[in-house]
Protein backbone atom coordinates (compact mmCIF):
# COMPACT_ATOMS: atom_id res chain seq x y z
CA UNK A 1 59.65 -33.44 0.35
CA UNK A 2 56.28 -35.10 0.68
CA UNK A 3 54.55 -36.47 -2.43
CA UNK A 4 51.63 -34.61 -3.94
CA UNK A 5 48.91 -34.12 -1.35
CA UNK A 6 45.91 -36.21 -2.50
CA UNK A 7 43.11 -34.14 -3.98
CA UNK A 8 45.27 -31.02 -4.35
CA UNK A 9 48.17 -31.91 -6.64
CA UNK A 10 50.38 -29.68 -4.48
CA UNK A 11 53.72 -30.95 -3.24
CA UNK A 12 54.88 -29.69 0.16
CA UNK A 13 58.26 -29.91 1.82
CA UNK A 14 57.58 -31.14 5.34
CA UNK A 15 59.55 -32.19 8.40
CA UNK A 16 58.27 -34.43 11.17
CA UNK A 17 59.79 -34.72 14.64
CA UNK A 18 58.69 -37.98 16.18
CA UNK A 19 57.44 -38.02 19.75
CA UNK A 20 55.11 -40.06 21.91
CA UNK A 21 53.01 -42.17 19.54
CA UNK A 22 49.91 -41.57 21.67
CA UNK A 23 50.32 -37.77 21.64
CA UNK A 24 48.68 -35.72 18.86
CA UNK A 25 51.25 -33.72 16.88
CA UNK A 26 51.66 -29.97 16.90
CA UNK A 27 51.26 -28.54 13.40
CA UNK A 28 53.39 -25.39 12.99
CA UNK A 29 52.29 -22.68 10.54
CA UNK A 30 55.07 -20.19 9.82
CA UNK A 31 55.13 -16.48 9.06
CA UNK A 32 55.20 -14.94 5.61
CA UNK A 33 58.26 -15.88 3.57
CA UNK A 34 59.70 -18.10 6.31
CA UNK A 35 60.83 -21.66 5.76
CA UNK A 36 60.27 -24.41 8.28
CA UNK A 37 63.78 -24.01 9.75
CA UNK A 38 62.94 -20.64 11.32
CA UNK A 39 61.10 -22.23 14.23
CA UNK A 40 63.87 -24.74 15.06
CA UNK A 41 64.83 -22.96 18.33
CA UNK A 42 61.22 -23.17 19.47
CA UNK A 43 60.98 -26.85 18.54
CA UNK A 44 64.19 -27.50 20.48
CA UNK A 45 62.53 -26.14 23.65
CA UNK A 46 59.24 -27.95 23.15
CA UNK A 47 58.57 -31.10 25.17
CA UNK A 48 60.21 -33.94 23.16
CA UNK A 49 57.16 -36.13 23.81
CA UNK A 50 55.12 -33.85 21.50
CA UNK A 51 55.42 -34.80 17.81
CA UNK A 52 55.90 -31.77 15.56
CA UNK A 53 54.91 -31.29 11.90
CA UNK A 54 56.42 -28.40 9.97
CA UNK A 55 55.96 -27.49 6.31
CA UNK A 56 56.85 -24.88 3.71
CA UNK A 57 53.99 -22.94 2.16
CA UNK A 58 53.82 -23.29 -1.66
CA UNK A 59 56.53 -21.17 -3.26
CA UNK A 60 58.49 -20.81 -0.01
CA UNK A 61 61.53 -22.81 1.11
CA UNK A 62 61.49 -26.22 -0.55
CA UNK A 63 57.83 -26.30 -1.62
CA UNK A 64 57.26 -25.65 -5.33
CA UNK A 65 55.02 -22.88 -6.55
CA UNK A 66 51.33 -23.75 -6.87
CA UNK A 67 49.77 -23.89 -10.30
CA UNK A 68 47.43 -21.04 -9.40
CA UNK A 69 46.80 -18.59 -6.53
CA UNK A 70 45.23 -20.06 -3.41
CA UNK A 71 42.92 -18.95 -0.62
CA UNK A 72 43.40 -19.58 3.11
CA UNK A 73 40.49 -22.03 2.99
CA UNK A 74 42.21 -24.04 0.23
CA UNK A 75 45.60 -24.05 1.93
CA UNK A 76 43.91 -25.16 5.15
CA UNK A 77 42.49 -28.21 3.34
CA UNK A 78 45.85 -28.98 1.75
CA UNK A 79 47.73 -28.86 5.04
CA UNK A 80 45.21 -30.89 7.01
CA UNK A 81 45.19 -33.48 4.24
CA UNK A 82 48.96 -33.70 4.68
CA UNK A 83 48.51 -34.30 8.41
CA UNK A 84 46.08 -37.14 7.68
CA UNK A 85 48.45 -38.54 5.07
CA UNK A 86 51.13 -38.68 7.77
CA UNK A 87 48.83 -40.86 9.84
CA UNK A 88 47.51 -38.44 12.48
CA UNK A 89 43.70 -38.32 12.92
CA UNK A 90 43.87 -35.43 15.42
CA UNK A 91 46.34 -32.62 16.00
CA UNK A 92 47.01 -29.28 17.67
CA UNK A 93 47.96 -26.20 15.65
CA UNK A 94 50.28 -23.26 16.26
CA UNK A 95 50.52 -20.27 13.94
CA UNK A 96 52.89 -17.33 14.09
CA UNK A 97 52.17 -14.02 12.30
CA UNK A 98 50.82 -14.88 8.79
CA UNK A 99 50.69 -18.49 9.91
CA UNK A 100 48.39 -17.44 12.72
CA UNK A 101 45.74 -16.61 10.12
CA UNK A 102 46.15 -20.06 8.63
CA UNK A 103 45.95 -21.63 12.09
CA UNK A 104 42.65 -19.86 12.79
CA UNK A 105 41.26 -21.07 9.48
CA UNK A 106 42.42 -24.62 10.20
CA UNK A 107 40.83 -24.63 13.66
CA UNK A 108 37.55 -23.29 12.27
CA UNK A 109 37.38 -25.83 9.43
CA UNK A 110 38.40 -28.78 11.62
CA UNK A 111 36.49 -28.57 14.93
CA UNK A 112 36.78 -32.32 15.55
CA UNK A 113 40.31 -33.00 14.32
CA UNK A 114 42.01 -29.89 15.73
CA UNK A 115 42.07 -30.06 19.55
CA UNK A 116 43.93 -26.93 20.64
CA UNK A 117 45.25 -23.75 19.04
CA UNK A 118 48.22 -21.51 19.83
CA UNK A 119 48.37 -18.06 18.21
CA UNK A 120 51.66 -16.18 18.35
CA UNK A 121 52.28 -12.59 17.21
CA UNK A 122 49.22 -12.61 14.99
CA UNK A 123 45.85 -10.95 14.45
CA UNK A 124 42.49 -11.23 12.72
CA UNK A 125 43.69 -10.55 9.18
CA UNK A 126 42.76 -7.61 6.97
CA UNK A 127 40.51 -6.14 9.67
CA UNK A 128 42.91 -5.48 12.54
CA UNK A 129 44.74 -2.68 14.30
CA UNK A 130 47.51 -2.22 11.73
CA UNK A 131 51.20 -1.52 12.02
CA UNK A 132 52.52 1.91 11.09
CA UNK A 133 52.81 2.49 7.32
CA UNK A 134 56.59 2.73 7.63
CA UNK A 135 56.66 -0.79 9.06
CA UNK A 136 54.28 -2.22 6.47
CA UNK A 137 56.35 -0.70 3.66
CA UNK A 138 59.34 -2.80 4.74
CA UNK A 139 57.25 -5.97 4.55
CA UNK A 140 56.21 -5.69 0.89
CA UNK A 141 59.11 -7.75 -0.50
CA UNK A 142 61.10 -10.75 0.80
CA UNK A 143 64.41 -8.88 0.45
CA UNK A 144 65.17 -9.29 4.17
CA UNK A 145 65.45 -13.05 3.66
CA UNK A 146 68.13 -12.69 0.98
CA UNK A 147 70.15 -9.61 1.92
CA UNK A 148 71.82 -9.81 5.36
CA UNK A 149 72.72 -6.11 5.32
CA UNK A 150 69.16 -5.08 4.56
CA UNK A 151 67.79 -7.51 7.15
CA UNK A 152 70.01 -6.01 9.84
CA UNK A 153 69.05 -2.45 8.87
CA UNK A 154 65.30 -3.08 9.21
CA UNK A 155 65.27 -5.62 12.05
CA UNK A 156 64.71 -3.18 14.90
CA UNK A 157 61.92 -1.30 13.10
CA UNK A 158 60.09 -4.44 11.94
CA UNK A 159 60.57 -6.96 14.71
CA UNK A 160 61.23 -4.88 17.84
CA UNK A 161 61.99 -6.60 21.13
CA UNK A 162 65.40 -8.21 21.46
CA UNK A 163 66.27 -7.30 17.87
CA UNK A 164 66.35 -3.61 18.79
CA UNK A 165 69.50 -4.26 20.80
CA UNK A 166 70.80 -7.15 18.66
CA UNK A 167 69.74 -6.45 15.05
CA UNK A 168 72.56 -8.62 13.70
CA UNK A 169 70.80 -11.67 15.18
CA UNK A 170 68.24 -11.42 12.39
CA UNK A 171 70.80 -12.66 9.85
CA UNK A 172 71.02 -15.95 11.75
CA UNK A 173 67.25 -16.23 11.97
CA UNK A 174 66.26 -15.22 8.43
CA UNK A 175 69.09 -15.33 5.90
CA UNK A 176 71.11 -18.42 6.75
CA UNK A 177 68.42 -20.84 5.60
CA UNK A 178 68.08 -21.68 1.91
CA UNK A 179 66.28 -21.76 -0.42
CA UNK A 180 64.79 -18.36 0.25
CA UNK A 181 61.18 -17.48 -0.68
CA UNK A 182 60.55 -16.73 -4.33
CA UNK A 183 59.06 -13.36 -5.21
CA UNK A 184 56.03 -15.15 -6.65
CA UNK A 185 55.58 -17.33 -3.57
CA UNK A 186 55.77 -14.30 -1.29
CA UNK A 187 53.24 -12.41 -3.43
CA UNK A 188 50.87 -15.36 -3.32
CA UNK A 189 51.02 -15.35 0.48
CA UNK A 190 50.17 -11.65 0.49
CA UNK A 191 47.34 -12.29 -1.95
CA UNK A 192 45.93 -15.16 0.13
CA UNK A 193 45.67 -12.91 3.18
CA UNK A 194 44.25 -9.91 1.30
CA UNK A 195 40.61 -9.56 2.28
CA UNK A 196 40.80 -12.52 4.69
CA UNK A 197 39.57 -11.95 8.23
CA UNK A 198 38.65 -14.24 11.10
CA UNK A 199 36.42 -11.70 12.86
CA UNK A 200 33.09 -13.24 11.74
CA UNK A 201 33.97 -16.77 12.91
CA UNK A 202 36.28 -16.29 15.92
CA UNK A 203 33.37 -16.64 18.42
CA UNK A 204 32.57 -20.00 16.79
CA UNK A 205 36.03 -21.47 17.40
CA UNK A 206 35.57 -23.75 20.40
CA UNK A 207 39.12 -25.07 20.80
CA UNK A 208 41.05 -24.03 23.92
CA UNK A 209 43.45 -21.34 22.68
CA UNK A 210 46.68 -19.88 24.00
CA UNK A 211 47.43 -16.40 22.62
CA UNK A 212 51.04 -15.21 22.79
CA UNK A 213 51.98 -11.62 22.04
CA UNK A 214 55.05 -9.47 22.58
CA UNK A 215 54.89 -6.16 24.41
CA UNK A 216 57.08 -4.59 21.66
CA UNK A 217 55.73 -5.90 18.34
CA UNK A 218 55.82 -3.29 15.55
CA UNK A 219 54.12 -5.59 13.01
CA UNK A 220 51.20 -6.75 15.16
CA UNK A 221 50.38 -4.26 17.94
CA UNK A 222 49.55 -5.96 21.24
CA UNK A 223 45.96 -4.71 21.23
CA UNK A 224 45.17 -7.23 18.48
CA UNK A 225 45.86 -10.12 20.85
CA UNK A 226 43.55 -8.60 23.43
CA UNK A 227 40.79 -8.34 20.83
CA UNK A 228 41.20 -12.01 19.89
CA UNK A 229 41.21 -13.02 23.56
CA UNK A 230 37.85 -11.28 24.00
CA UNK A 231 36.30 -12.88 20.91
CA UNK A 232 37.53 -16.46 21.31
CA UNK A 233 35.31 -18.30 23.80
CA UNK A 234 38.09 -20.33 25.46
CA UNK A 235 41.23 -18.23 25.18
CA UNK A 236 44.10 -17.51 27.54
CA UNK A 237 46.35 -14.51 26.85
CA UNK A 238 50.07 -14.37 27.67
CA UNK A 239 52.06 -11.17 27.02
CA UNK A 240 55.82 -11.73 26.88
CA UNK A 241 58.68 -9.24 27.06
CA UNK A 242 59.99 -9.32 23.48
CA UNK A 243 59.01 -8.54 19.91
CA UNK A 244 57.45 -10.11 16.83
CA UNK A 245 59.87 -13.04 16.72
CA UNK A 246 59.63 -13.80 20.42
CA UNK A 247 58.60 -17.39 19.71
CA UNK A 248 62.18 -17.85 18.47
CA UNK A 249 64.22 -15.27 20.41
CA UNK A 250 62.46 -16.22 23.66
CA UNK A 251 62.11 -19.92 22.86
CA UNK A 252 63.55 -21.05 26.20
CA UNK A 253 60.60 -19.38 27.96
CA UNK A 254 57.79 -19.89 25.46
CA UNK A 255 58.60 -23.48 24.48
CA UNK A 256 57.88 -24.85 27.98
CA UNK A 257 54.82 -22.59 28.29
CA UNK A 258 53.33 -24.00 25.09
CA UNK A 259 54.26 -27.55 26.14
CA UNK A 260 52.35 -27.12 29.39
CA UNK A 261 49.30 -25.79 27.55
CA UNK A 262 49.30 -28.65 25.06
CA UNK A 263 49.77 -31.30 27.74
CA UNK A 264 47.04 -30.04 30.06
CA UNK A 265 43.45 -31.26 30.27
CA UNK A 266 41.10 -30.41 27.43
CA UNK A 267 38.62 -28.77 29.76
CA UNK A 268 37.55 -25.22 28.87
CA UNK A 269 40.10 -22.55 29.68
CA UNK A 270 39.04 -18.95 30.26
């Protein structure tokens, strides 16, 4: 657990993987309700020279609840203050699903500190091509993180991809890590994203961006990634053969791909 982040009063549980001291770290922003352990398979397949910073959103995993609801803009400031507190003046950011919204906000608010952005299985927020109502209904509560039987029963419908054939794998990914998200913490994440959209400022994000999307993602239909790729000035789109959690279930393929993107020249990519 990190101490209170200066200027915010919020304590965050964070984990840092050391790497090359001259390499900017990759800041990982997780999906709704997910603790920092979820992305461990991806981290394991990322170039060990790249430092990695992970954290739990307030009210999720080991981070305590905030004193009041927060906005994406506020959480962005809190997280980037944490990165500075850890001693890193510049960084790259990767966001998956809900964390992709936070990553976009971070990149927009920090054009000089944030060098590159990776967006995985995510979209532009409240204004997007939505999932089917039956899928969204299963996302309202964090029950899937606590109840292995329920998680297995909804895995195929929610996450698609590999989990259609192996729904029991979701218990390893979601329910084995504790503490699980609190109801209040999960609701605050939903509230933070309600009404938030990146559509007005996406064309102003200048960072080179790698967009990753699965070809079988029930939560975030693939067309959303194509929309972002058209709006971001320096974006590269990669469609992989898996579902919403492909960053984890396909970590052996996507980890090296992200490593290559982060290690390449900072020249404009189109």
